[in-house]
């Protein structure tokens, strides 16, 4: 709506869009105009691979996301293939000229959740608080499913299976953070391993911690 566009233009300076180009194209018909903000397209998934083949690969490696433990393993896979892009997103967030910043992917809970979760971890937020924030996405599963259907996403399985697949249980985020630390020592260590400088992490902290 016009009021939505006006709200956006008044409040958002930069959008970090973590979607794959295939997702951007699939949802293009649902757009109602250009946002009044700079968009940084920063696909977490490799753009040289189709989104469909990426999903097939993860299904083959880890099974359905609704299966216990599979969601955490998928998230660690995201971190493995998307390290450089997560680092690029953090660099955008470390520059005060880009604020206010809005982060999005397709569902706003997986890639977005991981980026926000790692940033919160860098800032010293507890795992419990990070996981609680991540779990808040469960409050609007119905709205998410309606949106996915509106952009042409085919949702396979029973209603219960679909809901289980898009849920955001707190233990999934905790498992991701623990897995990241087992490999890199910390979220900061992970980001530094992909080129984020100490000065950038310090700038990020200064911007986001009062």
Protein backbone atom coordinates (compact mmCIF):
# COMPACT_ATOMS: atom_id res chain seq x y z
CA UNK A 1 0.00 0.00 0.00
CA UNK A 2 1.02 3.62 -0.28
CA UNK A 3 1.23 3.89 3.51
CA UNK A 4 3.54 0.86 3.63
CA UNK A 5 5.85 2.42 1.05
CA UNK A 6 5.84 5.70 2.96
CA UNK A 7 6.69 3.90 6.23
CA UNK A 8 9.55 2.09 4.50
CA UNK A 9 11.00 5.21 2.90
CA UNK A 10 10.90 7.07 6.22
CA UNK A 11 12.61 4.34 8.24
CA UNK A 12 14.88 2.11 6.12
CA UNK A 13 18.14 3.18 4.49
CA UNK A 14 19.55 -0.18 3.35
CA UNK A 15 18.07 -3.60 2.61
CA UNK A 16 20.32 -6.67 2.77
CA UNK A 17 18.57 -9.21 0.56
CA UNK A 18 19.91 -12.71 1.23
CA UNK A 19 17.79 -14.46 -1.41
CA UNK A 20 19.09 -16.43 -4.35
CA UNK A 21 18.40 -14.79 -7.75
CA UNK A 22 15.93 -17.59 -8.55
CA UNK A 23 13.90 -16.60 -5.47
CA UNK A 24 13.99 -12.93 -6.41
CA UNK A 25 12.69 -13.78 -9.88
CA UNK A 26 9.99 -16.11 -8.55
CA UNK A 27 8.60 -13.40 -6.27
CA UNK A 28 8.92 -10.54 -8.78
CA UNK A 29 5.26 -10.65 -9.80
CA UNK A 30 4.20 -9.92 -6.20
CA UNK A 31 6.18 -6.68 -5.96
CA UNK A 32 4.21 -3.47 -5.76
CA UNK A 33 7.00 -1.05 -6.57
CA UNK A 34 10.59 -0.26 -5.75
CA UNK A 35 11.49 0.28 -2.10
CA UNK A 36 12.81 3.67 -1.17
CA UNK A 37 16.11 2.23 0.04
CA UNK A 38 19.38 0.91 -1.31
CA UNK A 39 19.18 -2.85 -1.88
CA UNK A 40 22.30 -4.96 -1.38
CA UNK A 41 21.69 -8.29 -3.12
CA UNK A 42 23.80 -10.80 -1.24
CA UNK A 43 22.67 -14.38 -1.88
CA UNK A 44 23.88 -16.73 0.85
CA UNK A 45 23.58 -19.63 -1.59
CA UNK A 46 26.02 -19.83 -4.53
CA UNK A 47 24.53 -18.03 -7.52
CA UNK A 48 26.25 -20.46 -9.91
CA UNK A 49 23.94 -23.21 -8.68
CA UNK A 50 20.18 -23.14 -9.16
CA UNK A 51 18.02 -22.88 -6.08
CA UNK A 52 16.27 -26.10 -7.04
CA UNK A 53 19.52 -28.04 -7.22
CA UNK A 54 20.65 -26.52 -3.91
CA UNK A 55 17.48 -27.72 -2.17
CA UNK A 56 17.81 -31.17 -3.76
CA UNK A 57 21.41 -31.36 -2.55
CA UNK A 58 20.45 -30.50 1.03
CA UNK A 59 17.53 -32.93 1.00
CA UNK A 60 19.91 -35.65 -0.14
CA UNK A 61 22.47 -34.82 2.53
CA UNK A 62 20.24 -34.14 5.53
CA UNK A 63 16.71 -35.28 4.75
CA UNK A 64 13.55 -33.30 5.47
CA UNK A 65 14.07 -30.14 7.52
CA UNK A 66 11.28 -31.25 9.88
CA UNK A 67 13.28 -34.31 11.00
CA UNK A 68 14.92 -33.84 14.40
CA UNK A 69 18.46 -32.52 13.98
CA UNK A 70 18.16 -32.00 10.23
CA UNK A 71 17.41 -28.29 10.58
CA UNK A 72 20.61 -27.66 12.52
CA UNK A 73 22.68 -29.61 9.99
CA UNK A 74 21.14 -27.59 7.17
CA UNK A 75 22.02 -24.38 8.97
CA UNK A 76 25.63 -25.46 9.36
CA UNK A 77 25.59 -26.25 5.63
CA UNK A 78 24.39 -22.68 4.99
CA UNK A 79 27.36 -21.43 6.99
CA UNK A 80 29.73 -23.67 5.05
CA UNK A 81 28.63 -22.57 1.58
CA UNK A 82 27.76 -18.97 2.46
CA UNK A 83 30.65 -17.80 4.61
CA UNK A 84 31.84 -15.08 2.26
CA UNK A 85 28.29 -13.75 1.84
CA UNK A 86 27.57 -13.74 5.57
CA UNK A 87 30.83 -11.82 5.98
CA UNK A 88 29.80 -9.32 3.30
CA UNK A 89 26.47 -8.76 5.08
CA UNK A 90 28.25 -8.08 8.36
CA UNK A 91 30.49 -5.55 6.63
CA UNK A 92 27.38 -3.68 5.45
CA UNK A 93 26.08 -3.73 9.02
CA UNK A 94 29.41 -2.44 10.34
CA UNK A 95 29.06 0.80 8.35
CA UNK A 96 26.97 3.39 10.16
CA UNK A 97 26.16 5.15 6.86
CA UNK A 98 23.91 2.20 5.96
CA UNK A 99 21.53 2.47 8.92
CA UNK A 100 18.70 1.80 9.51
CA UNK A 101 19.20 -1.67 7.98
CA UNK A 102 16.55 -4.25 7.13
CA UNK A 103 17.57 -7.89 6.49
CA UNK A 104 15.43 -10.30 4.53
CA UNK A 105 15.43 -13.67 2.81
CA UNK A 106 12.32 -15.45 1.56
CA UNK A 107 10.86 -16.63 4.86
CA UNK A 108 12.80 -14.22 7.06
CA UNK A 109 13.78 -16.90 9.55
CA UNK A 110 16.55 -19.18 8.24
CA UNK A 111 19.28 -17.19 6.46
CA UNK A 112 18.08 -14.00 8.14
CA UNK A 113 17.90 -15.81 11.48
CA UNK A 114 21.45 -17.12 11.14
CA UNK A 115 22.87 -13.72 10.26
CA UNK A 116 21.05 -12.01 13.12
CA UNK A 117 21.92 -14.85 15.49
CA UNK A 118 25.63 -14.60 14.70
CA UNK A 119 25.59 -10.82 15.08
CA UNK A 120 23.83 -11.14 18.44
CA UNK A 121 26.45 -13.69 19.48
CA UNK A 122 29.23 -11.30 18.51
CA UNK A 123 27.54 -8.66 20.68
CA UNK A 124 27.61 -10.99 23.69
CA UNK A 125 23.92 -11.92 23.81
CA UNK A 126 23.28 -15.27 25.50
CA UNK A 127 22.33 -18.36 23.50
CA UNK A 128 19.04 -18.48 25.39
CA UNK A 129 18.10 -14.96 24.32
CA UNK A 130 19.24 -15.52 20.72
CA UNK A 131 17.20 -18.72 20.49
CA UNK A 132 14.17 -17.05 22.06
CA UNK A 133 14.33 -14.25 19.49
CA UNK A 134 14.67 -16.79 16.67
CA UNK A 135 11.70 -18.77 17.99
CA UNK A 136 9.44 -15.72 17.74
CA UNK A 137 9.00 -16.46 14.02
CA UNK A 138 6.64 -19.26 15.06
CA UNK A 139 4.07 -16.62 15.96
CA UNK A 140 3.21 -15.94 12.31
CA UNK A 141 3.53 -19.28 10.54
CA UNK A 142 0.10 -18.78 9.00
CA UNK A 143 1.16 -15.48 7.48
CA UNK A 144 4.37 -17.03 6.18
CA UNK A 145 2.52 -19.89 4.51
CA UNK A 146 0.12 -17.46 2.84
CA UNK A 147 3.05 -15.42 1.56
CA UNK A 148 4.87 -18.47 0.20
CA UNK A 149 1.74 -19.56 -1.62
CA UNK A 150 1.24 -16.05 -3.02
CA UNK A 151 4.66 -16.07 -4.69
CA UNK A 152 4.10 -19.49 -6.23
CA UNK A 153 6.06 -21.66 -3.81
CA UNK A 154 4.84 -25.28 -3.96
CA UNK A 155 4.44 -26.59 -0.40
CA UNK A 156 4.67 -30.37 -0.39
CA UNK A 157 3.31 -32.70 2.30
CA UNK A 158 0.43 -32.64 4.76
CA UNK A 159 -0.52 -29.48 6.60
CA UNK A 160 1.22 -30.78 9.73
CA UNK A 161 4.39 -31.64 7.78
CA UNK A 162 4.50 -28.23 6.15
CA UNK A 163 4.11 -26.43 9.48
CA UNK A 164 6.81 -28.59 11.06
CA UNK A 165 9.13 -27.74 8.17
CA UNK A 166 8.81 -23.98 8.66
CA UNK A 167 8.87 -23.90 12.47
CA UNK A 168 11.78 -22.26 14.28
CA UNK A 169 12.46 -24.30 17.44
CA UNK A 170 14.90 -22.71 19.87
CA UNK A 171 17.09 -25.81 20.05
CA UNK A 172 17.83 -25.54 16.32
CA UNK A 173 19.49 -22.16 16.79
CA UNK A 174 21.34 -23.32 19.90
CA UNK A 175 22.59 -26.35 17.95
CA UNK A 176 23.77 -24.11 15.14
CA UNK A 177 25.72 -21.83 17.47
CA UNK A 178 27.29 -24.81 19.22
CA UNK A 179 28.25 -26.35 15.88
CA UNK A 180 29.75 -23.08 14.69
CA UNK A 181 31.83 -22.80 17.86
CA UNK A 182 33.02 -26.39 17.54
CA UNK A 183 34.45 -25.52 14.13
CA UNK A 184 35.50 -21.88 14.53
CA UNK A 185 35.57 -21.15 18.25
CA UNK A 186 32.90 -18.44 18.06
CA UNK A 187 30.67 -16.55 15.66
CA UNK A 188 33.34 -13.86 15.57
CA UNK A 189 35.93 -16.50 14.71
CA UNK A 190 33.73 -17.78 11.90
CA UNK A 191 33.29 -14.31 10.43
CA UNK A 192 36.98 -13.51 10.82
CA UNK A 193 37.84 -16.74 8.98
CA UNK A 194 35.92 -15.29 6.05
CA UNK A 195 37.69 -11.97 6.09
CA UNK A 196 35.80 -9.75 8.54
CA UNK A 197 38.37 -7.57 10.29
CA UNK A 198 38.59 -6.95 14.03
CA UNK A 199 37.93 -3.28 13.36
CA UNK A 200 34.70 -4.15 11.54
CA UNK A 201 33.47 -6.28 14.45
CA UNK A 202 34.35 -3.44 16.82
CA UNK A 203 32.44 -0.96 14.63
CA UNK A 204 29.45 -3.33 14.53
CA UNK A 205 29.45 -3.54 18.31
CA UNK A 206 29.68 0.22 18.73
CA UNK A 207 26.71 0.69 16.40
CA UNK A 208 24.45 -1.87 18.02
CA UNK A 209 25.30 -1.78 21.72
CA UNK A 210 24.20 1.24 23.73
